[in-house]
Amino acid sequence: MAKVTPVTDETFEDVVLKAERPVIVDFWATWCKPCKILSPMLERLVIEAHGSFRLARVDVDENPTLTLRFTVRNIPTIKAFSEGIVVGELVGIQPEARLREFIGKITPPSPLNLALF
């Protein structure tokens, strides 16, 4: 499974809106230094999550329609989608603990976590 799925104006609906599991979309640009810090953290967290969510990436310069559609004013911006709707958003560089908290709110608990209760 790929760590990150690049999405475009043309593929966004199929990859993100029709997904059967939550999707975190990383709105970024190649010239954005904070994006280059945030992206590897997100990639590490998607690997740790073992498929509980998908990580998609939108290059804002190449996909201006999506940038406007989802009112992305600053980058990096991450938006969480579940069942085709935005259920969460973070703007700017975030500490890893905040990213983990954000992801925890949109993903189902793992069987291991359920067994602890």
PDB file of N, CA and C in Angstrom:
ATOM      1  N   MET A   1       0.840  -1.179   0.000  1.00  0.00           N
ATOM      2  CA  MET A   1       0.000   0.000   0.000  1.00  0.00           C
ATOM      3  C   MET A   1       0.887   1.245   0.000  1.00  0.00           C
ATOM      4  N   ALA A   2       0.578   2.173  -0.862  1.00  0.00           N
ATOM      5  CA  ALA A   2       1.349   3.412  -0.927  1.00  0.00           C
ATOM      6  C   ALA A   2       1.100   4.229   0.334  1.00  0.00           C
ATOM      7  N   LYS A   3       2.135   4.912   0.798  1.00  0.00           N
ATOM      8  CA  LYS A   3       1.987   5.771   1.973  1.00  0.00           C
ATOM      9  C   LYS A   3       1.099   6.961   1.663  1.00  0.00           C
ATOM     10  N   VAL A   4       1.277   7.533   0.483  1.00  0.00           N
ATOM     11  CA  VAL A   4       0.559   8.745   0.112  1.00  0.00           C
ATOM     12  C   VAL A   4      -0.031   8.567  -1.278  1.00  0.00           C
ATOM     13  N   THR A   5      -1.278   8.999  -1.442  1.00  0.00           N
ATOM     14  CA  THR A   5      -1.917   8.958  -2.743  1.00  0.00           C
ATOM     15  C   THR A   5      -2.010  10.385  -3.269  1.00  0.00           C
ATOM     16  N   PRO A   6      -1.275  10.709  -4.338  1.00  0.00           N
ATOM     17  CA  PRO A   6      -1.431  12.044  -4.916  1.00  0.00           C
ATOM     18  C   PRO A   6      -2.818  12.157  -5.541  1.00  0.00           C
ATOM     19  N   VAL A   7      -3.504  13.269  -5.288  1.00  0.00           N
ATOM     20  CA  VAL A   7      -4.815  13.476  -5.897  1.00  0.00           C
ATOM     21  C   VAL A   7      -4.827  14.784  -6.668  1.00  0.00           C
ATOM     22  N   THR A   8      -5.686  14.813  -7.660  1.00  0.00           N
ATOM     23  CA  THR A   8      -5.822  15.976  -8.525  1.00  0.00           C
ATOM     24  C   THR A   8      -7.288  16.379  -8.573  1.00  0.00           C
ATOM     25  N   ASP A   9      -7.550  17.476  -9.265  1.00  0.00           N
ATOM     26  CA  ASP A   9      -8.937  17.898  -9.467  1.00  0.00           C
ATOM     27  C   ASP A   9      -9.761  16.746 -10.048  1.00  0.00           C
ATOM     28  N   GLU A  10      -9.163  15.960 -10.929  1.00  0.00           N
ATOM     29  CA  GLU A  10      -9.875  14.887 -11.617  1.00  0.00           C
ATOM     30  C   GLU A  10     -10.076  13.643 -10.752  1.00  0.00           C
ATOM     31  N   THR A  11      -9.149  13.345  -9.842  1.00  0.00           N
ATOM     32  CA  THR A  11      -9.224  12.098  -9.071  1.00  0.00           C
ATOM     33  C   THR A  11      -9.763  12.272  -7.656  1.00  0.00           C
ATOM     34  N   PHE A  12      -9.958  13.511  -7.225  1.00  0.00           N
ATOM     35  CA  PHE A  12     -10.329  13.783  -5.839  1.00  0.00           C
ATOM     36  C   PHE A  12     -11.611  13.061  -5.417  1.00  0.00           C
ATOM     37  N   GLU A  13     -12.621  13.112  -6.243  1.00  0.00           N
ATOM     38  CA  GLU A  13     -13.900  12.511  -5.856  1.00  0.00           C
ATOM     39  C   GLU A  13     -13.757  11.014  -5.592  1.00  0.00           C
ATOM     40  N   ASP A  14     -13.114  10.299  -6.507  1.00  0.00           N
ATOM     41  CA  ASP A  14     -12.966   8.855  -6.339  1.00  0.00           C
ATOM     42  C   ASP A  14     -12.057   8.492  -5.167  1.00  0.00           C
ATOM     43  N   VAL A  15     -10.945   9.193  -5.023  1.00  0.00           N
ATOM     44  CA  VAL A  15      -9.962   8.843  -3.997  1.00  0.00           C
ATOM     45  C   VAL A  15     -10.397   9.302  -2.608  1.00  0.00           C
ATOM     46  N   VAL A  16     -10.997  10.482  -2.511  1.00  0.00           N
ATOM     47  CA  VAL A  16     -11.303  11.054  -1.201  1.00  0.00           C
ATOM     48  C   VAL A  16     -12.785  10.954  -0.852  1.00  0.00           C
ATOM     49  N   LEU A  17     -13.632  11.496  -1.692  1.00  0.00           N
ATOM     50  CA  LEU A  17     -15.050  11.601  -1.338  1.00  0.00           C
ATOM     51  C   LEU A  17     -15.781  10.262  -1.325  1.00  0.00           C
ATOM     52  N   LYS A  18     -15.338   9.325  -2.144  1.00  0.00           N
ATOM     53  CA  LYS A  18     -15.989   8.012  -2.200  1.00  0.00           C
ATOM     54  C   LYS A  18     -15.251   6.948  -1.389  1.00  0.00           C
ATOM     55  N   ALA A  19     -14.261   7.345  -0.635  1.00  0.00           N
ATOM     56  CA  ALA A  19     -13.459   6.391   0.140  1.00  0.00           C
ATOM     57  C   ALA A  19     -14.300   5.730   1.233  1.00  0.00           C
ATOM     58  N   GLU A  20     -13.993   4.475   1.502  1.00  0.00           N
ATOM     59  CA  GLU A  20     -14.718   3.717   2.521  1.00  0.00           C
ATOM     60  C   GLU A  20     -14.120   3.887   3.907  1.00  0.00           C
ATOM     61  N   ARG A  21     -12.987   4.548   4.000  1.00  0.00           N
ATOM     62  CA  ARG A  21     -12.365   4.825   5.299  1.00  0.00           C
ATOM     63  C   ARG A  21     -12.004   6.301   5.341  1.00  0.00           C
ATOM     64  N   PRO A  22     -11.709   6.835   6.510  1.00  0.00           N
ATOM     65  CA  PRO A  22     -11.342   8.254   6.576  1.00  0.00           C
ATOM     66  C   PRO A  22     -10.109   8.565   5.717  1.00  0.00           C
ATOM     67  N   VAL A  23     -10.078   9.785   5.202  1.00  0.00           N
ATOM     68  CA  VAL A  23      -8.951  10.247   4.391  1.00  0.00           C
ATOM     69  C   VAL A  23      -8.471  11.573   4.951  1.00  0.00           C
ATOM     70  N   ILE A  24      -7.177  11.679   5.155  1.00  0.00           N
ATOM     71  CA  ILE A  24      -6.576  12.961   5.512  1.00  0.00           C
ATOM     72  C   ILE A  24      -5.932  13.496   4.251  1.00  0.00           C
ATOM     73  N   VAL A  25      -6.322  14.712   3.891  1.00  0.00           N
ATOM     74  CA  VAL A  25      -5.781  15.352   2.693  1.00  0.00           C
ATOM     75  C   VAL A  25      -4.804  16.427   3.122  1.00  0.00           C
ATOM     76  N   ASP A  26      -3.597  16.306   2.633  1.00  0.00           N
ATOM     77  CA  ASP A  26      -2.512  17.249   2.903  1.00  0.00           C
ATOM     78  C   ASP A  26      -2.432  18.209   1.714  1.00  0.00           C
ATOM     79  N   PHE A  27      -2.864  19.451   1.924  1.00  0.00           N
ATOM     80  CA  PHE A  27      -2.746  20.487   0.897  1.00  0.00           C
ATOM     81  C   PHE A  27      -1.368  21.115   1.066  1.00  0.00           C
ATOM     82  N   TRP A  28      -0.544  21.064   0.032  1.00  0.00           N
ATOM     83  CA  TRP A  28       0.849  21.472   0.132  1.00  0.00           C
ATOM     84  C   TRP A  28       1.329  22.072  -1.178  1.00  0.00           C
ATOM     85  N   ALA A  29       2.582  22.526  -1.173  1.00  0.00           N
ATOM     86  CA  ALA A  29       3.258  23.005  -2.391  1.00  0.00           C
ATOM     87  C   ALA A  29       4.730  22.654  -2.281  1.00  0.00           C
ATOM     88  N   THR A  30       5.366  22.485  -3.416  1.00  0.00           N
ATOM     89  CA  THR A  30       6.779  22.093  -3.428  1.00  0.00           C
ATOM     90  C   THR A  30       7.681  23.153  -2.798  1.00  0.00           C
ATOM     91  N   TRP A  31       7.296  24.412  -2.845  1.00  0.00           N
ATOM     92  CA  TRP A  31       8.121  25.506  -2.337  1.00  0.00           C
ATOM     93  C   TRP A  31       7.891  25.784  -0.847  1.00  0.00           C
ATOM     94  N   CYS A  32       6.949  25.096  -0.225  1.00  0.00           N
ATOM     95  CA  CYS A  32       6.531  25.365   1.158  1.00  0.00           C
ATOM     96  C   CYS A  32       7.426  24.614   2.156  1.00  0.00           C
ATOM     97  N   LYS A  33       8.255  25.359   2.883  1.00  0.00           N
ATOM     98  CA  LYS A  33       9.157  24.720   3.853  1.00  0.00           C
ATOM     99  C   LYS A  33       8.412  24.030   4.994  1.00  0.00           C
ATOM    100  N   PRO A  34       7.383  24.652   5.609  1.00  0.00           N
ATOM    101  CA  PRO A  34       6.643  23.935   6.663  1.00  0.00           C
ATOM    102  C   PRO A  34       5.990  22.647   6.148  1.00  0.00           C
ATOM    103  N   CYS A  35       5.592  22.634   4.872  1.00  0.00           N
ATOM    104  CA  CYS A  35       5.000  21.425   4.286  1.00  0.00           C
ATOM    105  C   CYS A  35       6.012  20.283   4.290  1.00  0.00           C
ATOM    106  N   LYS A  36       7.272  20.619   4.067  1.00  0.00           N
ATOM    107  CA  LYS A  36       8.320  19.601   4.015  1.00  0.00           C
ATOM    108  C   LYS A  36       8.630  19.035   5.399  1.00  0.00           C
ATOM    109  N   ILE A  37       8.211  19.732   6.449  1.00  0.00           N
ATOM    110  CA  ILE A  37       8.343  19.223   7.818  1.00  0.00           C
ATOM    111  C   ILE A  37       7.121  18.375   8.171  1.00  0.00           C
ATOM    112  N   LEU A  38       5.948  18.863   7.817  1.00  0.00           N
ATOM    113  CA  LEU A  38       4.694  18.186   8.165  1.00  0.00           C
ATOM    114  C   LEU A  38       4.510  16.875   7.403  1.00  0.00           C
ATOM    115  N   SER A  39       4.805  16.870   6.122  1.00  0.00           N
ATOM    116  CA  SER A  39       4.537  15.696   5.277  1.00  0.00           C
ATOM    117  C   SER A  39       5.188  14.412   5.786  1.00  0.00           C
ATOM    118  N   PRO A  40       6.465  14.422   6.161  1.00  0.00           N
ATOM    119  CA  PRO A  40       7.061  13.171   6.662  1.00  0.00           C
ATOM    120  C   PRO A  40       6.406  12.682   7.962  1.00  0.00           C
ATOM    121  N   MET A  41       5.955  13.605   8.807  1.00  0.00           N
ATOM    122  CA  MET A  41       5.260  13.188  10.033  1.00  0.00           C
ATOM    123  C   MET A  41       3.967  12.468   9.675  1.00  0.00           C
ATOM    124  N   LEU A  42       3.215  13.034   8.727  1.00  0.00           N
ATOM    125  CA  LEU A  42       1.966  12.402   8.299  1.00  0.00           C
ATOM    126  C   LEU A  42       2.229  11.031   7.677  1.00  0.00           C
ATOM    127  N   GLU A  43       3.277  10.923   6.891  1.00  0.00           N
ATOM    128  CA  GLU A  43       3.621   9.649   6.264  1.00  0.00           C
ATOM    129  C   GLU A  43       3.943   8.592   7.314  1.00  0.00           C
ATOM    130  N   ARG A  44       4.658   8.978   8.339  1.00  0.00           N
ATOM    131  CA  ARG A  44       4.997   8.054   9.418  1.00  0.00           C
ATOM    132  C   ARG A  44       3.726   7.602  10.150  1.00  0.00           C
ATOM    133  N   LEU A  45       2.810   8.537  10.391  1.00  0.00           N
ATOM    134  CA  LEU A  45       1.584   8.211  11.119  1.00  0.00           C
ATOM    135  C   LEU A  45       0.649   7.315  10.312  1.00  0.00           C
ATOM    136  N   VAL A  46       0.614   7.494   8.994  1.00  0.00           N
ATOM    137  CA  VAL A  46      -0.243   6.619   8.183  1.00  0.00           C
ATOM    138  C   VAL A  46       0.297   5.194   8.187  1.00  0.00           C
ATOM    139  N   ILE A  47       1.595   5.041   8.225  1.00  0.00           N
ATOM    140  CA  ILE A  47       2.188   3.700   8.310  1.00  0.00           C
ATOM    141  C   ILE A  47       1.835   3.066   9.651  1.00  0.00           C
ATOM    142  N   GLU A  48       1.966   3.830  10.721  1.00  0.00           N
ATOM    143  CA  GLU A  48       1.644   3.317  12.055  1.00  0.00           C
ATOM    144  C   GLU A  48       0.170   2.939  12.196  1.00  0.00           C
ATOM    145  N   ALA A  49      -0.696   3.601  11.444  1.00  0.00           N
ATOM    146  CA  ALA A  49      -2.140   3.388  11.570  1.00  0.00           C
ATOM    147  C   ALA A  49      -2.619   2.106  10.890  1.00  0.00           C
ATOM    148  N   HIS A  50      -1.752   1.453  10.134  1.00  0.00           N
ATOM    149  CA  HIS A  50      -2.070   0.164   9.503  1.00  0.00           C
ATOM    150  C   HIS A  50      -3.392   0.172   8.747  1.00  0.00           C
ATOM    151  N   GLY A  51      -3.605   1.210   7.945  1.00  0.00           N
ATOM    152  CA  GLY A  51      -4.769   1.230   7.068  1.00  0.00           C
ATOM    153  C   GLY A  51      -6.046   1.794   7.660  1.00  0.00           C
ATOM    154  N   SER A  52      -6.005   2.346   8.854  1.00  0.00           N
ATOM    155  CA  SER A  52      -7.241   2.886   9.431  1.00  0.00           C
ATOM    156  C   SER A  52      -7.657   4.190   8.766  1.00  0.00           C
ATOM    157  N   PHE A  53      -6.723   4.819   8.048  1.00  0.00           N
ATOM    158  CA  PHE A  53      -7.065   5.985   7.236  1.00  0.00           C
ATOM    159  C   PHE A  53      -6.131   6.035   6.045  1.00  0.00           C
ATOM    160  N   ARG A  54      -6.531   6.803   5.046  1.00  0.00           N
ATOM    161  CA  ARG A  54      -5.708   7.007   3.851  1.00  0.00           C
ATOM    162  C   ARG A  54      -5.149   8.424   3.906  1.00  0.00           C
ATOM    163  N   LEU A  55      -3.934   8.590   3.428  1.00  0.00           N
ATOM    164  CA  LEU A  55      -3.308   9.903   3.317  1.00  0.00           C
ATOM    165  C   LEU A  55      -3.240  10.277   1.846  1.00  0.00           C
ATOM    166  N   ALA A  56      -3.861  11.408   1.510  1.00  0.00           N
ATOM    167  CA  ALA A  56      -3.844  11.915   0.141  1.00  0.00           C
ATOM    168  C   ALA A  56      -3.158  13.273   0.144  1.00  0.00           C
ATOM    169  N   ARG A  57      -2.564  13.628  -0.973  1.00  0.00           N
ATOM    170  CA  ARG A  57      -1.839  14.890  -1.045  1.00  0.00           C
ATOM    171  C   ARG A  57      -2.283  15.658  -2.286  1.00  0.00           C
ATOM    172  N   VAL A  58      -2.567  16.959  -2.081  1.00  0.00           N
ATOM    173  CA  VAL A  58      -2.978  17.848  -3.165  1.00  0.00           C
ATOM    174  C   VAL A  58      -1.941  18.960  -3.295  1.00  0.00           C
ATOM    175  N   ASP A  59      -1.325  19.063  -4.451  1.00  0.00           N
ATOM    176  CA  ASP A  59      -0.426  20.171  -4.755  1.00  0.00           C
ATOM    177  C   ASP A  59      -1.306  21.374  -5.109  1.00  0.00           C
ATOM    178  N   VAL A  60      -1.292  22.399  -4.254  1.00  0.00           N
ATOM    179  CA  VAL A  60      -2.204  23.532  -4.442  1.00  0.00           C
ATOM    180  C   VAL A  60      -1.908  24.308  -5.720  1.00  0.00           C
ATOM    181  N   ASP A  61      -0.672  24.316  -6.167  1.00  0.00           N
ATOM    182  CA  ASP A  61      -0.324  25.044  -7.391  1.00  0.00           C
ATOM    183  C   ASP A  61      -0.855  24.333  -8.633  1.00  0.00           C
ATOM    184  N   GLU A  62      -0.890  23.016  -8.590  1.00  0.00           N
ATOM    185  CA  GLU A  62      -1.345  22.240  -9.746  1.00  0.00           C
ATOM    186  C   GLU A  62      -2.853  21.968  -9.735  1.00  0.00           C
ATOM    187  N   ASN A  63      -3.502  22.213  -8.590  1.00  0.00           N
ATOM    188  CA  ASN A  63      -4.930  21.908  -8.450  1.00  0.00           C
ATOM    189  C   ASN A  63      -5.682  23.073  -7.801  1.00  0.00           C
ATOM    190  N   PRO A  64      -5.719  24.209  -8.484  1.00  0.00           N
ATOM    191  CA  PRO A  64      -6.349  25.397  -7.893  1.00  0.00           C
ATOM    192  C   PRO A  64      -7.845  25.244  -7.641  1.00  0.00           C
ATOM    193  N   THR A  65      -8.517  24.414  -8.392  1.00  0.00           N
ATOM    194  CA  THR A  65      -9.952  24.219  -8.182  1.00  0.00           C
ATOM    195  C   THR A  65     -10.222  23.618  -6.806  1.00  0.00           C
ATOM    196  N   LEU A  66      -9.440  22.612  -6.421  1.00  0.00           N
ATOM    197  CA  LEU A  66      -9.607  22.005  -5.097  1.00  0.00           C
ATOM    198  C   LEU A  66      -9.248  22.990  -3.993  1.00  0.00           C
ATOM    199  N   THR A  67      -8.217  23.773  -4.234  1.00  0.00           N
ATOM    200  CA  THR A  67      -7.794  24.766  -3.250  1.00  0.00           C
ATOM    201  C   THR A  67      -8.916  25.758  -2.980  1.00  0.00           C
ATOM    202  N   LEU A  68      -9.574  26.219  -4.025  1.00  0.00           N
ATOM    203  CA  LEU A  68     -10.708  27.137  -3.873  1.00  0.00           C
ATOM    204  C   LEU A  68     -11.928  26.430  -3.288  1.00  0.00           C
ATOM    205  N   ARG A  69     -12.214  25.252  -3.779  1.00  0.00           N
ATOM    206  CA  ARG A  69     -13.401  24.507  -3.340  1.00  0.00           C
ATOM    207  C   ARG A  69     -13.392  24.274  -1.831  1.00  0.00           C
ATOM    208  N   PHE A  70     -12.216  23.988  -1.271  1.00  0.00           N
ATOM    209  CA  PHE A  70     -12.116  23.688   0.147  1.00  0.00           C
ATOM    210  C   PHE A  70     -11.520  24.838   0.961  1.00  0.00           C
ATOM    211  N   THR A  71     -11.511  26.027   0.377  1.00  0.00           N
ATOM    212  CA  THR A  71     -11.116  27.262   1.049  1.00  0.00           C
ATOM    213  C   THR A  71      -9.772  27.125   1.757  1.00  0.00           C
ATOM    214  N   VAL A  72      -8.792  26.654   1.024  1.00  0.00           N
ATOM    215  CA  VAL A  72      -7.440  26.544   1.566  1.00  0.00           C
ATOM    216  C   VAL A  72      -6.752  27.880   1.351  1.00  0.00           C
ATOM    217  N   ARG A  73      -6.526  28.593   2.442  1.00  0.00           N
ATOM    218  CA  ARG A  73      -5.917  29.924   2.365  1.00  0.00           C
ATOM    219  C   ARG A  73      -4.442  29.919   2.740  1.00  0.00           C
ATOM    220  N   ASN A  74      -4.051  28.964   3.556  1.00  0.00           N
ATOM    221  CA  ASN A  74      -2.661  28.843   4.007  1.00  0.00           C
ATOM    222  C   ASN A  74      -2.228  27.393   3.857  1.00  0.00           C
ATOM    223  N   ILE A  75      -0.940  27.215   3.652  1.00  0.00           N
ATOM    224  CA  ILE A  75      -0.415  25.854   3.613  1.00  0.00           C
ATOM    225  C   ILE A  75       0.771  25.774   4.571  1.00  0.00           C
ATOM    226  N   PRO A  76       0.965  24.620   5.153  1.00  0.00           N
ATOM    227  CA  PRO A  76       0.187  23.407   4.965  1.00  0.00           C
ATOM    228  C   PRO A  76      -1.181  23.496   5.647  1.00  0.00           C
ATOM    229  N   THR A  77      -2.140  22.848   5.017  1.00  0.00           N
ATOM    230  CA  THR A  77      -3.462  22.629   5.596  1.00  0.00           C
ATOM    231  C   THR A  77      -3.776  21.159   5.433  1.00  0.00           C
ATOM    232  N   ILE A  78      -4.261  20.548   6.507  1.00  0.00           N
ATOM    233  CA  ILE A  78      -4.743  19.178   6.377  1.00  0.00           C
ATOM    234  C   ILE A  78      -6.227  19.177   6.732  1.00  0.00           C
ATOM    235  N   LYS A  79      -6.968  18.423   5.941  1.00  0.00           N
ATOM    236  CA  LYS A  79      -8.407  18.283   6.167  1.00  0.00           C
ATOM    237  C   LYS A  79      -8.725  16.805   6.237  1.00  0.00           C
ATOM    238  N   ALA A  80      -9.554  16.445   7.208  1.00  0.00           N
ATOM    239  CA  ALA A  80      -9.986  15.063   7.356  1.00  0.00           C
ATOM    240  C   ALA A  80     -11.367  14.905   6.739  1.00  0.00           C
ATOM    241  N   PHE A  81     -11.528  13.874   5.941  1.00  0.00           N
ATOM    242  CA  PHE A  81     -12.789  13.564   5.283  1.00  0.00           C
ATOM    243  C   PHE A  81     -13.274  12.204   5.767  1.00  0.00           C
ATOM    244  N   SER A  82     -14.564  12.120   6.033  1.00  0.00           N
ATOM    245  CA  SER A  82     -15.195  10.855   6.360  1.00  0.00           C
ATOM    246  C   SER A  82     -16.555  10.848   5.694  1.00  0.00           C
ATOM    247  N   GLU A  83     -16.825   9.780   4.951  1.00  0.00           N
ATOM    248  CA  GLU A  83     -18.076   9.644   4.211  1.00  0.00           C
ATOM    249  C   GLU A  83     -18.351  10.865   3.330  1.00  0.00           C
ATOM    250  N   GLY A  84     -17.279  11.396   2.729  1.00  0.00           N
ATOM    251  CA  GLY A  84     -17.409  12.465   1.752  1.00  0.00           C
ATOM    252  C   GLY A  84     -17.518  13.877   2.298  1.00  0.00           C
ATOM    253  N   ILE A  85     -17.437  14.038   3.621  1.00  0.00           N
ATOM    254  CA  ILE A  85     -17.533  15.399   4.169  1.00  0.00           C
ATOM    255  C   ILE A  85     -16.308  15.719   5.030  1.00  0.00           C
ATOM    256  N   VAL A  86     -16.007  17.009   5.137  1.00  0.00           N
ATOM    257  CA  VAL A  86     -14.895  17.457   5.975  1.00  0.00           C
ATOM    258  C   VAL A  86     -15.321  17.332   7.435  1.00  0.00           C
ATOM    259  N   VAL A  87     -14.529  16.595   8.214  1.00  0.00           N
ATOM    260  CA  VAL A  87     -14.846  16.397   9.628  1.00  0.00           C
ATOM    261  C   VAL A  87     -13.793  16.994  10.560  1.00  0.00           C
ATOM    262  N   GLY A  88     -12.747  17.574   9.981  1.00  0.00           N
ATOM    263  CA  GLY A  88     -11.709  18.191  10.792  1.00  0.00           C
ATOM    264  C   GLY A  88     -10.705  18.904   9.914  1.00  0.00           C
ATOM    265  N   GLU A  89      -9.981  19.850  10.531  1.00  0.00           N
ATOM    266  CA  GLU A  89      -9.006  20.633   9.782  1.00  0.00           C
ATOM    267  C   GLU A  89      -7.936  21.168  10.721  1.00  0.00           C
ATOM    268  N   LEU A  90      -6.709  21.179  10.245  1.00  0.00           N
ATOM    269  CA  LEU A  90      -5.588  21.827  10.936  1.00  0.00           C
ATOM    270  C   LEU A  90      -4.852  22.674   9.911  1.00  0.00           C
ATOM    271  N   VAL A  91      -4.438  23.859  10.330  1.00  0.00           N
ATOM    272  CA  VAL A  91      -3.714  24.759   9.443  1.00  0.00           C
ATOM    273  C   VAL A  91      -2.354  25.056  10.061  1.00  0.00           C
ATOM    274  N   GLY A  92      -1.324  24.975   9.237  1.00  0.00           N
ATOM    275  CA  GLY A  92       0.025  25.274   9.697  1.00  0.00           C
ATOM    276  C   GLY A  92       0.737  24.039  10.221  1.00  0.00           C
ATOM    277  N   ILE A  93       1.999  24.235  10.529  1.00  0.00           N
ATOM    278  CA  ILE A  93       2.810  23.143  11.054  1.00  0.00           C
ATOM    279  C   ILE A  93       2.277  22.764  12.437  1.00  0.00           C
ATOM    280  N   GLN A  94       2.242  21.470  12.718  1.00  0.00           N
ATOM    281  CA  GLN A  94       1.678  20.967  13.962  1.00  0.00           C
ATOM    282  C   GLN A  94       2.671  20.026  14.633  1.00  0.00           C
ATOM    283  N   PRO A  95       2.682  20.012  15.963  1.00  0.00           N
ATOM    284  CA  PRO A  95       3.511  19.011  16.643  1.00  0.00           C
ATOM    285  C   PRO A  95       2.909  17.621  16.449  1.00  0.00           C
ATOM    286  N   GLU A  96       3.750  16.622  16.522  1.00  0.00           N
ATOM    287  CA  GLU A  96       3.288  15.256  16.278  1.00  0.00           C
ATOM    288  C   GLU A  96       2.169  14.853  17.231  1.00  0.00           C
ATOM    289  N   ALA A  97       2.229  15.274  18.482  1.00  0.00           N
ATOM    290  CA  ALA A  97       1.176  14.926  19.440  1.00  0.00           C
ATOM    291  C   ALA A  97      -0.181  15.463  18.981  1.00  0.00           C
ATOM    292  N   ARG A  98      -0.192  16.667  18.433  1.00  0.00           N
ATOM    293  CA  ARG A  98      -1.448  17.254  17.942  1.00  0.00           C
ATOM    294  C   ARG A  98      -1.955  16.483  16.730  1.00  0.00           C
ATOM    295  N   LEU A  99      -1.064  16.036  15.849  1.00  0.00           N
ATOM    296  CA  LEU A  99      -1.460  15.227  14.696  1.00  0.00           C
ATOM    297  C   LEU A  99      -2.058  13.899  15.142  1.00  0.00           C
ATOM    298  N   ARG A 100      -1.444  13.273  16.143  1.00  0.00           N
ATOM    299  CA  ARG A 100      -1.959  12.003  16.661  1.00  0.00           C
ATOM    300  C   ARG A 100      -3.361  12.185  17.246  1.00  0.00           C
ATOM    301  N   GLU A 101      -3.560  13.264  17.963  1.00  0.00           N
ATOM    302  CA  GLU A 101      -4.874  13.559  18.544  1.00  0.00           C
ATOM    303  C   GLU A 101      -5.911  13.756  17.435  1.00  0.00           C
ATOM    304  N   PHE A 102      -5.535  14.516  16.413  1.00  0.00           N
ATOM    305  CA  PHE A 102      -6.404  14.789  15.273  1.00  0.00           C
ATOM    306  C   PHE A 102      -6.807  13.487  14.576  1.00  0.00           C
ATOM    307  N   ILE A 103      -5.830  12.630  14.312  1.00  0.00           N
ATOM    308  CA  ILE A 103      -6.080  11.352  13.649  1.00  0.00           C
ATOM    309  C   ILE A 103      -6.941  10.452  14.535  1.00  0.00           C
ATOM    310  N   GLY A 104      -6.678  10.457  15.829  1.00  0.00           N
ATOM    311  CA  GLY A 104      -7.454   9.642  16.758  1.00  0.00           C
ATOM    312  C   GLY A 104      -8.934   9.982  16.764  1.00  0.00           C
ATOM    313  N   LYS A 105      -9.263  11.227  16.465  1.00  0.00           N
ATOM    314  CA  LYS A 105     -10.666  11.646  16.463  1.00  0.00           C
ATOM    315  C   LYS A 105     -11.422  11.195  15.218  1.00  0.00           C
ATOM    316  N   ILE A 106     -10.697  10.855  14.160  1.00  0.00           N
ATOM    317  CA  ILE A 106     -11.384  10.485  12.911  1.00  0.00           C
ATOM    318  C   ILE A 106     -11.282   9.010  12.564  1.00  0.00           C
ATOM    319  N   THR A 107     -10.465   8.269  13.303  1.00  0.00           N
ATOM    320  CA  THR A 107     -10.285   6.853  12.982  1.00  0.00           C
ATOM    321  C   THR A 107     -10.934   5.983  14.055  1.00  0.00           C
ATOM    322  N   PRO A 108     -11.413   4.817  13.652  1.00  0.00           N
ATOM    323  CA  PRO A 108     -11.982   3.904  14.649  1.00  0.00           C
ATOM    324  C   PRO A 108     -10.879   3.362  15.546  1.00  0.00           C
ATOM    325  N   PRO A 109     -11.212   3.015  16.786  1.00  0.00           N
ATOM    326  CA  PRO A 109     -10.188   2.443  17.666  1.00  0.00           C
ATOM    327  C   PRO A 109      -9.721   1.092  17.147  1.00  0.00           C
ATOM    328  N   SER A 110      -8.475   0.797  17.386  1.00  0.00           N
ATOM    329  CA  SER A 110      -7.936  -0.491  16.951  1.00  0.00           C
ATOM    330  C   SER A 110      -8.432  -1.593  17.878  1.00  0.00           C
ATOM    331  N   PRO A 111      -8.416  -2.847  17.423  1.00  0.00           N
ATOM    332  CA  PRO A 111      -8.820  -3.958  18.297  1.00  0.00           C
ATOM    333  C   PRO A 111      -7.995  -3.989  19.579  1.00  0.00           C
ATOM    334  N   LEU A 112      -6.715  -3.654  19.493  1.00  0.00           N
ATOM    335  CA  LEU A 112      -5.856  -3.638  20.677  1.00  0.00           C
ATOM    336  C   LEU A 112      -6.353  -2.592  21.676  1.00  0.00           C
ATOM    337  N   ASN A 113      -6.663  -1.388  21.183  1.00  0.00           N
ATOM    338  CA  ASN A 113      -7.155  -0.338  22.081  1.00  0.00           C
ATOM    339  C   ASN A 113      -8.491  -0.720  22.703  1.00  0.00           C
ATOM    340  N   LEU A 114      -9.350  -1.384  21.939  1.00  0.00           N
ATOM    341  CA  LEU A 114     -10.630  -1.818  22.479  1.00  0.00           C
ATOM    342  C   LEU A 114     -10.436  -2.867  23.577  1.00  0.00           C
ATOM    343  N   ALA A 115      -9.434  -3.725  23.409  1.00  0.00           N
ATOM    344  CA  ALA A 115      -9.183  -4.780  24.397  1.00  0.00           C
ATOM    345  C   ALA A 115      -8.693  -4.202  25.717  1.00  0.00           C
ATOM    346  N   LEU A 116      -8.131  -3.002  25.682  1.00  0.00           N
ATOM    347  CA  LEU A 116      -7.613  -2.382  26.910  1.00  0.00           C
ATOM    348  C   LEU A 116      -8.724  -1.848  27.798  1.00  0.00           C
ATOM    349  N   PHE A 117      -9.916  -1.699  27.261  1.00  0.00           N
ATOM    350  CA  PHE A 117     -11.020  -1.120  28.051  1.00  0.00           C
ATOM    351  C   PHE A 117     -11.846  -2.154  28.732  1.00  0.00           C
TER     352      PHE A 117
END
